[in-house]
């Protein structure tokens, strides 16, 4: 079971890492205007949070055998077939929500920074 959590964390974490890299690149490209950079970061992290929440919601209905997590599992580490869908989907949902909560925290921080910059301009 713990191995399933690690694989789910790795696959979803890698995808979120690419999203964070894109957000970082876009934010840095607006470095000439701090307000614009903060707003871009806030909007993009909010979008990332929404995407993660939608993925968490649909994780229970998606066929587990068509997920990246399932591809990374060896035959002997996969859960038993009768319980695979239920266990794997629950783990994926939990992992998506874990990353969504962190993305939401960063989103709130960026919104606070954007509002603070606009107030003190």
N, C-alpha and C. Protein backbone atom coordinates (compact mmCIF):
# COMPACT_ATOMS: atom_id res chain seq x y z
N UNK A 1 0.82 -1.20 0.00
CA UNK A 1 0.00 0.00 0.00
C UNK A 1 0.86 1.27 0.00
N UNK A 2 1.91 1.24 0.82
CA UNK A 2 2.78 2.40 0.90
C UNK A 2 3.46 2.67 -0.44
N UNK A 3 3.77 1.60 -1.15
CA UNK A 3 4.40 1.75 -2.47
C UNK A 3 3.45 2.44 -3.45
N UNK A 4 2.17 2.16 -3.36
CA UNK A 4 1.19 2.83 -4.23
C UNK A 4 1.16 4.32 -3.94
N UNK A 5 1.24 4.68 -2.67
CA UNK A 5 1.27 6.10 -2.31
C UNK A 5 2.51 6.78 -2.89
N UNK A 6 3.65 6.10 -2.80
CA UNK A 6 4.89 6.69 -3.31
C UNK A 6 4.83 6.88 -4.82
N UNK A 7 4.29 5.89 -5.52
CA UNK A 7 4.20 6.00 -6.99
C UNK A 7 3.21 7.09 -7.38
N UNK A 8 2.08 7.16 -6.70
CA UNK A 8 1.11 8.21 -6.99
C UNK A 8 1.70 9.59 -6.71
N UNK A 9 2.42 9.71 -5.60
CA UNK A 9 3.05 10.98 -5.25
C UNK A 9 4.09 11.36 -6.29
N UNK A 10 4.84 10.38 -6.77
CA UNK A 10 5.87 10.64 -7.77
C UNK A 10 5.25 11.09 -9.09
N UNK A 11 4.23 10.40 -9.56
CA UNK A 11 3.66 10.73 -10.87
C UNK A 11 2.93 12.07 -10.84
N UNK A 12 2.13 12.29 -9.82
CA UNK A 12 1.39 13.55 -9.74
C UNK A 12 2.34 14.70 -9.40
N UNK A 13 3.31 14.42 -8.54
CA UNK A 13 4.29 15.44 -8.19
C UNK A 13 5.12 15.89 -9.37
N UNK A 14 5.47 14.96 -10.24
CA UNK A 14 6.23 15.32 -11.43
C UNK A 14 5.39 16.22 -12.35
N UNK A 15 4.12 15.87 -12.52
CA UNK A 15 3.24 16.69 -13.34
C UNK A 15 3.07 18.09 -12.74
N UNK A 16 2.92 18.15 -11.43
CA UNK A 16 2.80 19.46 -10.78
C UNK A 16 4.11 20.24 -10.88
N UNK A 17 5.22 19.54 -10.84
CA UNK A 17 6.52 20.19 -11.00
C UNK A 17 6.65 20.87 -12.35
N UNK A 18 6.17 20.21 -13.39
CA UNK A 18 6.18 20.84 -14.71
C UNK A 18 5.27 22.06 -14.74
N UNK A 19 4.13 21.96 -14.06
CA UNK A 19 3.23 23.12 -13.97
C UNK A 19 3.86 24.27 -13.23
N UNK A 20 4.54 23.97 -12.14
CA UNK A 20 5.23 25.01 -11.36
C UNK A 20 6.35 25.63 -12.18
N UNK A 21 7.05 24.82 -12.94
CA UNK A 21 8.11 25.36 -13.81
C UNK A 21 7.53 26.33 -14.83
N UNK A 22 6.40 25.99 -15.42
CA UNK A 22 5.76 26.89 -16.38
C UNK A 22 5.30 28.18 -15.70
N UNK A 23 4.71 28.05 -14.52
CA UNK A 23 4.27 29.24 -13.78
C UNK A 23 5.47 30.12 -13.43
N UNK A 24 6.55 29.49 -12.99
CA UNK A 24 7.76 30.23 -12.65
C UNK A 24 8.31 30.98 -13.86
N UNK A 25 8.37 30.32 -15.00
CA UNK A 25 8.90 30.96 -16.21
C UNK A 25 8.04 32.15 -16.63
N UNK A 26 6.74 31.99 -16.57
CA UNK A 26 5.84 33.08 -16.94
C UNK A 26 5.97 34.23 -15.95
N UNK A 27 6.05 33.91 -14.67
CA UNK A 27 6.18 34.95 -13.65
C UNK A 27 7.50 35.71 -13.80
N UNK A 28 8.57 34.99 -14.05
CA UNK A 28 9.87 35.65 -14.23
C UNK A 28 9.87 36.52 -15.49
N UNK A 29 9.13 36.11 -16.50
CA UNK A 29 9.09 36.92 -17.71
C UNK A 29 8.40 38.27 -17.48
N UNK A 30 7.63 38.38 -16.41
CA UNK A 30 6.99 39.64 -16.05
C UNK A 30 7.75 40.37 -14.94
N UNK A 31 9.02 40.07 -14.77
CA UNK A 31 9.80 40.64 -13.68
C UNK A 31 9.93 42.16 -13.77
N UNK A 32 9.71 42.73 -14.94
CA UNK A 32 9.79 44.19 -15.09
C UNK A 32 8.66 44.89 -14.36
N UNK A 33 7.56 44.17 -14.05
CA UNK A 33 6.42 44.75 -13.33
C UNK A 33 6.00 43.76 -12.25
N UNK A 34 6.32 44.06 -11.01
CA UNK A 34 6.06 43.13 -9.92
C UNK A 34 4.57 42.84 -9.72
N UNK A 35 3.74 43.84 -9.93
CA UNK A 35 2.30 43.63 -9.80
C UNK A 35 1.79 42.65 -10.85
N UNK A 36 2.23 42.83 -12.07
CA UNK A 36 1.85 41.92 -13.15
C UNK A 36 2.36 40.51 -12.89
N UNK A 37 3.58 40.39 -12.39
CA UNK A 37 4.15 39.08 -12.07
C UNK A 37 3.36 38.40 -10.95
N UNK A 38 3.01 39.15 -9.92
CA UNK A 38 2.24 38.58 -8.81
C UNK A 38 0.85 38.16 -9.25
N UNK A 39 0.22 38.98 -10.08
CA UNK A 39 -1.11 38.62 -10.60
C UNK A 39 -1.05 37.38 -11.49
N UNK A 40 -0.04 37.33 -12.33
CA UNK A 40 0.12 36.15 -13.20
C UNK A 40 0.32 34.89 -12.36
N UNK A 41 1.18 34.97 -11.36
CA UNK A 41 1.41 33.82 -10.49
C UNK A 41 0.13 33.43 -9.74
N UNK A 42 -0.61 34.43 -9.28
CA UNK A 42 -1.86 34.15 -8.55
C UNK A 42 -2.89 33.48 -9.46
N UNK A 43 -3.05 34.01 -10.65
CA UNK A 43 -4.04 33.44 -11.58
C UNK A 43 -3.63 32.03 -11.99
N UNK A 44 -2.38 31.84 -12.31
CA UNK A 44 -1.93 30.53 -12.80
C UNK A 44 -1.96 29.47 -11.70
N UNK A 45 -1.61 29.85 -10.46
CA UNK A 45 -1.70 28.86 -9.38
C UNK A 45 -3.15 28.55 -9.03
N UNK A 46 -4.03 29.53 -9.20
CA UNK A 46 -5.45 29.26 -9.01
C UNK A 46 -5.96 28.28 -10.07
N UNK A 47 -5.54 28.47 -11.30
CA UNK A 47 -5.92 27.54 -12.37
C UNK A 47 -5.37 26.14 -12.08
N UNK A 48 -4.13 26.09 -11.62
CA UNK A 48 -3.53 24.79 -11.27
C UNK A 48 -4.32 24.12 -10.15
N UNK A 49 -4.73 24.89 -9.18
CA UNK A 49 -5.54 24.33 -8.08
C UNK A 49 -6.86 23.78 -8.61
N UNK A 50 -7.50 24.51 -9.49
CA UNK A 50 -8.77 24.04 -10.06
C UNK A 50 -8.58 22.76 -10.86
N UNK A 51 -7.51 22.70 -11.64
CA UNK A 51 -7.24 21.49 -12.41
C UNK A 51 -7.03 20.30 -11.49
N UNK A 52 -6.27 20.49 -10.43
CA UNK A 52 -6.02 19.40 -9.48
C UNK A 52 -7.31 18.97 -8.78
N UNK A 53 -8.17 19.92 -8.47
CA UNK A 53 -9.45 19.56 -7.83
C UNK A 53 -10.35 18.78 -8.78
N UNK A 54 -10.38 19.17 -10.05
CA UNK A 54 -11.16 18.43 -11.04
C UNK A 54 -10.60 17.03 -11.21
N UNK A 55 -9.28 16.92 -11.28
CA UNK A 55 -8.65 15.60 -11.41
C UNK A 55 -8.94 14.73 -10.19
N UNK A 56 -8.96 15.33 -9.01
CA UNK A 56 -9.30 14.57 -7.80
C UNK A 56 -10.74 14.08 -7.86
N UNK A 57 -11.61 14.92 -8.37
CA UNK A 57 -13.03 14.55 -8.47
C UNK A 57 -13.24 13.42 -9.47
N UNK A 58 -12.53 13.45 -10.57
CA UNK A 58 -12.72 12.44 -11.60
C UNK A 58 -11.87 11.20 -11.39
N UNK A 59 -10.97 11.23 -10.40
CA UNK A 59 -10.09 10.08 -10.16
C UNK A 59 -10.87 8.83 -9.76
N UNK A 60 -11.98 9.00 -9.09
CA UNK A 60 -12.76 7.84 -8.65
C UNK A 60 -13.47 7.15 -9.80
N UNK A 61 -13.70 7.87 -10.89
CA UNK A 61 -14.44 7.30 -12.02
C UNK A 61 -13.53 6.82 -13.15
N UNK A 62 -12.28 7.29 -13.15
CA UNK A 62 -11.37 6.95 -14.25
C UNK A 62 -10.84 5.53 -14.07
N UNK A 63 -10.70 4.84 -15.19
CA UNK A 63 -10.17 3.48 -15.17
C UNK A 63 -8.71 3.53 -14.73
N UNK A 64 -8.41 2.85 -13.65
CA UNK A 64 -7.07 2.89 -13.06
C UNK A 64 -6.01 2.35 -14.02
N UNK A 65 -6.39 1.40 -14.84
CA UNK A 65 -5.42 0.79 -15.76
C UNK A 65 -4.97 1.75 -16.86
N UNK A 66 -5.62 2.90 -16.96
CA UNK A 66 -5.24 3.90 -17.96
C UNK A 66 -4.53 5.10 -17.33
N UNK A 67 -4.03 4.92 -16.13
CA UNK A 67 -3.33 6.01 -15.45
C UNK A 67 -1.83 5.76 -15.50
N UNK A 68 -1.09 6.83 -15.31
CA UNK A 68 0.36 6.72 -15.30
C UNK A 68 0.85 5.92 -14.10
N UNK A 69 0.14 6.03 -13.00
CA UNK A 69 0.51 5.27 -11.81
C UNK A 69 0.50 3.77 -12.10
N UNK A 70 -0.49 3.30 -12.80
CA UNK A 70 -0.63 1.87 -13.10
C UNK A 70 0.53 1.40 -13.98
N UNK A 71 0.97 2.25 -14.89
CA UNK A 71 2.08 1.89 -15.78
C UNK A 71 3.37 1.68 -14.99
N UNK A 72 3.58 2.48 -13.95
CA UNK A 72 4.80 2.39 -13.16
C UNK A 72 4.81 1.20 -12.19
N UNK A 73 3.66 0.61 -11.96
CA UNK A 73 3.59 -0.51 -11.03
C UNK A 73 3.97 -1.81 -11.72
N UNK A 74 4.80 -2.60 -11.06
CA UNK A 74 5.13 -3.94 -11.56
C UNK A 74 3.93 -4.86 -11.34
N UNK A 75 3.97 -5.99 -11.99
CA UNK A 75 2.89 -6.97 -11.83
C UNK A 75 2.71 -7.39 -10.37
N UNK A 76 3.82 -7.56 -9.65
CA UNK A 76 3.71 -8.03 -8.26
C UNK A 76 3.41 -6.92 -7.27
N UNK A 77 3.52 -5.66 -7.67
CA UNK A 77 3.19 -4.56 -6.75
C UNK A 77 1.80 -4.00 -6.98
N UNK A 78 1.14 -4.46 -8.02
CA UNK A 78 -0.23 -3.98 -8.28
C UNK A 78 -1.19 -4.60 -7.27
N UNK A 79 -2.20 -3.84 -6.87
CA UNK A 79 -3.18 -4.40 -5.93
C UNK A 79 -3.97 -5.52 -6.58
N UNK A 80 -4.59 -6.39 -5.78
CA UNK A 80 -5.40 -7.47 -6.34
C UNK A 80 -6.51 -6.92 -7.24
N UNK A 81 -6.77 -7.61 -8.31
CA UNK A 81 -7.70 -7.13 -9.34
C UNK A 81 -9.08 -6.73 -8.80
N UNK A 82 -9.70 -7.47 -7.91
CA UNK A 82 -11.04 -7.05 -7.44
C UNK A 82 -11.03 -5.71 -6.70
N UNK A 83 -9.89 -5.38 -6.07
CA UNK A 83 -9.84 -4.16 -5.26
C UNK A 83 -9.00 -3.06 -5.90
N UNK A 84 -8.38 -3.36 -7.03
CA UNK A 84 -7.44 -2.42 -7.64
C UNK A 84 -8.07 -1.07 -7.94
N UNK A 85 -9.24 -1.08 -8.57
CA UNK A 85 -9.89 0.18 -8.94
C UNK A 85 -10.22 1.02 -7.72
N UNK A 86 -10.78 0.39 -6.72
CA UNK A 86 -11.19 1.13 -5.52
C UNK A 86 -9.98 1.67 -4.75
N UNK A 87 -8.98 0.85 -4.55
CA UNK A 87 -7.81 1.27 -3.78
C UNK A 87 -7.01 2.32 -4.56
N UNK A 88 -6.72 2.02 -5.82
CA UNK A 88 -5.91 2.93 -6.62
C UNK A 88 -6.57 4.28 -6.83
N UNK A 89 -7.86 4.27 -7.08
CA UNK A 89 -8.58 5.54 -7.28
C UNK A 89 -8.59 6.38 -6.02
N UNK A 90 -8.75 5.73 -4.88
CA UNK A 90 -8.75 6.45 -3.61
C UNK A 90 -7.38 7.06 -3.34
N UNK A 91 -6.33 6.33 -3.65
CA UNK A 91 -4.97 6.85 -3.45
C UNK A 91 -4.71 8.02 -4.39
N UNK A 92 -5.11 7.89 -5.64
CA UNK A 92 -4.93 8.99 -6.59
C UNK A 92 -5.71 10.23 -6.15
N UNK A 93 -6.93 10.03 -5.71
CA UNK A 93 -7.75 11.16 -5.26
C UNK A 93 -7.11 11.86 -4.07
N UNK A 94 -6.65 11.07 -3.12
CA UNK A 94 -6.00 11.63 -1.94
C UNK A 94 -4.74 12.41 -2.32
N UNK A 95 -3.97 11.89 -3.27
CA UNK A 95 -2.74 12.57 -3.69
C UNK A 95 -3.06 13.84 -4.46
N UNK A 96 -4.04 13.80 -5.34
CA UNK A 96 -4.44 15.01 -6.05
C UNK A 96 -4.88 16.09 -5.07
N UNK A 97 -5.63 15.70 -4.06
CA UNK A 97 -6.09 16.68 -3.07
C UNK A 97 -4.92 17.24 -2.26
N UNK A 98 -3.93 16.41 -1.94
CA UNK A 98 -2.75 16.87 -1.21
C UNK A 98 -2.06 17.98 -1.99
N UNK A 99 -1.85 17.75 -3.29
CA UNK A 99 -1.20 18.76 -4.11
C UNK A 99 -2.12 19.96 -4.33
N UNK A 100 -3.41 19.75 -4.43
CA UNK A 100 -4.35 20.87 -4.62
C UNK A 100 -4.35 21.80 -3.41
N UNK A 101 -4.28 21.25 -2.21
CA UNK A 101 -4.25 22.08 -1.01
C UNK A 101 -2.98 22.93 -0.97
N UNK A 102 -1.86 22.35 -1.35
CA UNK A 102 -0.61 23.12 -1.37
C UNK A 102 -0.65 24.19 -2.45
N UNK A 103 -1.18 23.85 -3.60
CA UNK A 103 -1.30 24.84 -4.68
C UNK A 103 -2.24 25.97 -4.26
N UNK A 104 -3.30 25.63 -3.54
CA UNK A 104 -4.22 26.66 -3.06
C UNK A 104 -3.54 27.59 -2.06
N UNK A 105 -2.69 27.05 -1.22
CA UNK A 105 -1.96 27.88 -0.26
C UNK A 105 -1.04 28.86 -0.99
N UNK A 106 -0.34 28.38 -2.01
CA UNK A 106 0.51 29.28 -2.78
C UNK A 106 -0.33 30.30 -3.55
N UNK A 107 -1.47 29.87 -4.04
CA UNK A 107 -2.35 30.78 -4.76
C UNK A 107 -2.82 31.92 -3.84
N UNK A 108 -3.21 31.58 -2.65
CA UNK A 108 -3.64 32.60 -1.68
C UNK A 108 -2.49 33.55 -1.37
N UNK A 109 -1.29 32.98 -1.20
CA UNK A 109 -0.13 33.84 -0.91
C UNK A 109 0.14 34.80 -2.06
N UNK A 110 0.05 34.31 -3.28
CA UNK A 110 0.28 35.20 -4.43
C UNK A 110 -0.81 36.26 -4.55
N UNK A 111 -2.06 35.89 -4.24
CA UNK A 111 -3.13 36.89 -4.28
C UNK A 111 -2.90 37.96 -3.21
N UNK A 112 -2.46 37.56 -2.03
CA UNK A 112 -2.18 38.53 -0.96
C UNK A 112 -1.04 39.45 -1.38
N UNK A 113 -0.01 38.88 -1.99
CA UNK A 113 1.11 39.71 -2.47
C UNK A 113 0.64 40.68 -3.54
N UNK A 114 -0.18 40.20 -4.47
CA UNK A 114 -0.69 41.08 -5.54
C UNK A 114 -1.54 42.20 -4.98
N UNK A 115 -2.38 41.88 -4.02
CA UNK A 115 -3.23 42.92 -3.41
C UNK A 115 -2.37 43.91 -2.62
N UNK A 116 -1.37 43.41 -1.91
CA UNK A 116 -0.50 44.30 -1.15
C UNK A 116 0.28 45.23 -2.06
N UNK A 117 0.79 44.70 -3.16
CA UNK A 117 1.53 45.55 -4.11
C UNK A 117 0.60 46.60 -4.71
N UNK A 118 -0.63 46.23 -5.05
CA UNK A 118 -1.54 47.21 -5.64
C UNK A 118 -1.97 48.27 -4.64
N UNK A 119 -2.03 47.92 -3.37
CA UNK A 119 -2.40 48.91 -2.35
C UNK A 119 -1.29 49.92 -2.07
N UNK A 120 -0.06 49.46 -2.14
CA UNK A 120 1.08 50.32 -1.79
C UNK A 120 1.74 50.96 -3.00
N UNK A 121 1.13 50.89 -4.14
CA UNK A 121 1.66 51.53 -5.34
C UNK A 121 1.31 52.96 -5.39
